């Protein structure tokens, strides 16, 4: 499996399914997605122009997302499973009406939340936001979840302030003994399923 960060909160997963999560990216995906997952209704997690590139790809997201954007797709909620393999968890994203996190074959995408649940299965790669005000919350979540790799994300790589926040969390995680990786848009991690 290959997991690629494309910038902002956008992650591409190449596995049995090609998945694109939160399609608002800085770097184009390598593959045409089999499905698109959206965490919540904020504009920095979804770009309608990007979706036009994939007219035949089904979109999944919470009801508030579909109420905010005029797109067709499948409404999902916490406790649902997509394709019998993608677990959906409720999480709390600042100022969103409704938000969800996605877990697929060891990859955990946590939107931009600082409050997300621990999956029952092993987390191989955890993507966590990196807002400075929530460093302690992120660290406590990592301590509880114990992922093999932690990737600070949900930042604009062209913003010095955003990169500084990502570097700050990366350093805190490394100093606490966790395998944290700071990726550039387009960088990937290869993991065994």
Protein backbone atom coordinates (compact mmCIF):
# COMPACT_ATOMS: atom_id res chain seq x y z
CA UNK A 1 0.00 0.00 0.00
CA UNK A 2 1.18 3.52 -0.80
CA UNK A 3 -0.11 6.51 1.15
CA UNK A 4 0.62 9.90 -0.39
CA UNK A 5 0.09 13.35 1.13
CA UNK A 6 -1.01 15.81 -1.57
CA UNK A 7 -1.07 18.99 0.54
CA UNK A 8 -3.56 20.51 2.99
CA UNK A 9 -5.67 17.60 4.35
CA UNK A 10 -5.66 15.64 1.10
CA UNK A 11 -4.40 12.06 1.21
CA UNK A 12 -4.27 9.54 -1.62
CA UNK A 13 -4.25 5.82 -0.82
CA UNK A 14 -3.16 3.23 -3.39
CA UNK A 15 -4.27 -0.24 -2.34
CA UNK A 16 -7.10 -2.61 -3.23
CA UNK A 17 -9.00 0.65 -3.71
CA UNK A 18 -7.61 3.96 -4.93
CA UNK A 19 -8.97 6.47 -2.42
CA UNK A 20 -8.80 10.25 -2.38
CA UNK A 21 -9.64 11.90 0.96
CA UNK A 22 -10.48 15.61 1.28
CA UNK A 23 -9.82 16.59 -2.35
CA UNK A 24 -8.32 20.04 -2.06
CA UNK A 25 -4.67 19.51 -2.88
CA UNK A 26 -1.43 21.16 -3.93
CA UNK A 27 -0.19 18.17 -5.99
CA UNK A 28 -2.26 16.06 -8.39
CA UNK A 29 -3.04 12.47 -7.40
CA UNK A 30 -1.16 9.72 -9.21
CA UNK A 31 -4.30 7.63 -9.82
CA UNK A 32 -7.91 8.22 -10.72
CA UNK A 33 -9.74 7.51 -7.45
CA UNK A 34 -12.20 4.65 -7.13
CA UNK A 35 -13.93 6.72 -4.47
CA UNK A 36 -13.65 10.12 -2.79
CA UNK A 37 -14.11 10.60 0.94
CA UNK A 38 -14.80 14.02 2.47
CA UNK A 39 -14.51 14.67 6.22
CA UNK A 40 -16.62 17.82 6.56
CA UNK A 41 -18.07 20.87 4.86
CA UNK A 42 -15.15 23.33 5.06
CA UNK A 43 -13.83 24.69 1.76
CA UNK A 44 -10.23 23.73 2.57
CA UNK A 45 -11.31 20.05 2.45
CA UNK A 46 -13.14 20.08 -0.86
CA UNK A 47 -12.66 21.85 -4.20
CA UNK A 48 -15.56 21.56 -6.63
CA UNK A 49 -13.21 22.14 -9.59
CA UNK A 50 -11.15 19.10 -8.62
CA UNK A 51 -14.24 16.91 -8.51
CA UNK A 52 -15.07 17.83 -12.11
CA UNK A 53 -11.98 15.82 -13.10
CA UNK A 54 -13.60 12.66 -11.73
CA UNK A 55 -17.24 12.68 -12.90
CA UNK A 56 -17.67 8.91 -12.50
CA UNK A 57 -16.17 8.66 -9.00
CA UNK A 58 -18.61 8.28 -6.11
CA UNK A 59 -18.28 10.79 -3.27
CA UNK A 60 -18.94 9.95 0.39
CA UNK A 61 -19.33 12.50 3.16
CA UNK A 62 -21.48 13.62 6.09
CA UNK A 63 -24.87 15.20 5.45
CA UNK A 64 -23.61 18.72 6.25
CA UNK A 65 -21.07 18.39 3.43
CA UNK A 66 -23.80 17.64 0.87
CA UNK A 67 -25.93 20.49 2.22
CA UNK A 68 -23.00 22.89 1.75
CA UNK A 69 -21.85 21.73 -1.70
CA UNK A 70 -24.08 20.99 -4.67
CA UNK A 71 -22.71 17.54 -5.51
CA UNK A 72 -24.18 14.06 -5.64
CA UNK A 73 -22.95 11.27 -3.45
CA UNK A 74 -23.63 9.02 -0.48
CA UNK A 75 -24.29 10.41 2.99
CA UNK A 76 -22.34 8.58 5.68
CA UNK A 77 -22.12 8.90 9.44
CA UNK A 78 -20.15 7.56 12.38
CA UNK A 79 -20.43 3.79 12.65
CA UNK A 80 -20.94 3.25 8.92
CA UNK A 81 -18.53 1.29 6.73
CA UNK A 82 -17.77 2.14 3.12
CA UNK A 83 -17.04 -0.80 0.79
CA UNK A 84 -17.04 -3.07 3.88
CA UNK A 85 -13.49 -1.92 4.62
CA UNK A 86 -13.44 1.78 5.52
CA UNK A 87 -14.51 2.59 9.07
CA UNK A 88 -16.09 5.93 9.82
CA UNK A 89 -15.73 7.69 13.18
CA UNK A 90 -17.22 10.88 14.54
CA UNK A 91 -14.70 13.57 15.31
CA UNK A 92 -14.82 17.21 16.28
CA UNK A 93 -13.45 19.69 13.76
CA UNK A 94 -13.40 23.33 14.79
CA UNK A 95 -16.44 25.25 13.57
CA UNK A 96 -17.86 22.40 11.48
CA UNK A 97 -21.46 21.24 11.66
CA UNK A 98 -20.55 17.57 11.35
CA UNK A 99 -17.23 15.83 10.74
CA UNK A 100 -15.90 12.32 10.38
CA UNK A 101 -12.57 10.50 10.33
CA UNK A 102 -11.69 7.55 8.11
CA UNK A 103 -9.76 4.36 8.92
CA UNK A 104 -8.67 2.03 6.10
CA UNK A 105 -6.24 -0.88 6.39
CA UNK A 106 -4.12 0.81 9.07
CA UNK A 107 -4.32 4.37 7.72
CA UNK A 108 -6.17 6.84 9.94
CA UNK A 109 -7.19 10.21 8.44
CA UNK A 110 -8.43 12.49 11.22
CA UNK A 111 -9.67 15.53 9.27
CA UNK A 112 -8.41 18.59 11.17
CA UNK A 113 -9.63 17.36 14.52
CA UNK A 114 -7.89 17.49 17.88
CA UNK A 115 -10.54 15.15 19.27
CA UNK A 116 -10.87 11.79 17.53
CA UNK A 117 -11.44 8.24 18.80
CA UNK A 118 -8.99 5.36 18.93
CA UNK A 119 -9.74 2.71 16.30
CA UNK A 120 -9.96 -0.88 17.48
CA UNK A 121 -7.39 -2.00 14.90
CA UNK A 122 -3.70 -1.12 14.69
CA UNK A 123 -2.87 2.29 13.27
CA UNK A 124 0.12 2.10 10.96
CA UNK A 125 -0.04 5.71 9.72
CA UNK A 126 -1.87 8.47 11.58
CA UNK A 127 -2.47 11.76 9.80
CA UNK A 128 -3.08 14.44 12.41
CA UNK A 129 -3.54 18.19 12.08
CA UNK A 130 -0.82 20.39 13.51
CA UNK A 131 -2.35 23.57 14.89
CA UNK A 132 -0.05 24.97 17.59
CA UNK A 133 -2.88 25.59 20.07
CA UNK A 134 -3.60 21.84 20.13
CA UNK A 135 -0.10 20.31 20.33
CA UNK A 136 -0.86 18.80 23.77
CA UNK A 137 -4.11 17.25 22.55
CA UNK A 138 -2.37 15.71 19.52
CA UNK A 139 0.41 14.32 21.69
CA UNK A 140 -2.09 12.77 24.12
CA UNK A 141 -4.00 11.18 21.22
CA UNK A 142 -0.77 9.75 19.81
CA UNK A 143 0.14 8.36 23.25
CA UNK A 144 -3.26 6.62 23.40
CA UNK A 145 -3.38 5.34 19.80
CA UNK A 146 0.32 4.39 19.51
CA UNK A 147 0.60 4.55 15.72
CA UNK A 148 3.71 3.24 13.97
CA UNK A 149 4.08 6.52 12.03
CA UNK A 150 2.58 9.96 12.72
CA UNK A 151 2.32 12.52 9.92
CA UNK A 152 1.49 16.14 10.80
CA UNK A 153 -0.67 17.47 7.98
CA UNK A 154 -3.47 19.89 7.16
CA UNK A 155 -1.22 22.78 6.30
CA UNK A 156 -0.41 24.82 3.24
CA UNK A 157 3.18 24.04 2.31
CA UNK A 158 3.58 27.54 0.81
CA UNK A 159 2.82 29.27 4.10
CA UNK A 160 5.82 29.79 6.39
CA UNK A 161 3.49 29.98 9.42
CA UNK A 162 1.81 26.68 8.51
CA UNK A 163 5.12 24.91 7.88
CA UNK A 164 6.43 26.20 11.21
CA UNK A 165 3.39 24.69 13.00
CA UNK A 166 3.93 21.35 11.26
CA UNK A 167 7.62 21.41 12.20
CA UNK A 168 6.69 22.24 15.79
CA UNK A 169 4.44 19.20 16.17
CA UNK A 170 6.93 17.01 14.31
CA UNK A 171 9.66 17.97 16.81
CA UNK A 172 7.40 17.42 19.84
CA UNK A 173 6.45 13.96 18.59
CA UNK A 174 10.07 13.01 17.84
CA UNK A 175 11.22 14.25 21.26
CA UNK A 176 8.48 12.12 22.86
CA UNK A 177 9.89 9.06 21.05
CA UNK A 178 7.35 8.71 18.24
CA UNK A 179 8.17 7.98 14.61
CA UNK A 180 6.96 11.22 13.07
CA UNK A 181 7.49 12.09 9.43
CA UNK A 182 7.15 15.50 7.87
CA UNK A 183 6.13 15.09 4.24
CA UNK A 184 6.21 17.47 1.31
CA UNK A 185 3.19 17.45 -1.02
CA UNK A 186 3.55 14.40 -3.26
CA UNK A 187 5.73 12.45 -0.79
CA UNK A 188 4.56 8.97 0.08
CA UNK A 189 4.93 6.26 2.68
CA UNK A 190 4.89 2.58 1.74
CA UNK A 191 3.29 0.28 4.28
CA UNK A 192 2.46 -3.40 4.42
CA UNK A 193 -1.22 -4.25 4.59
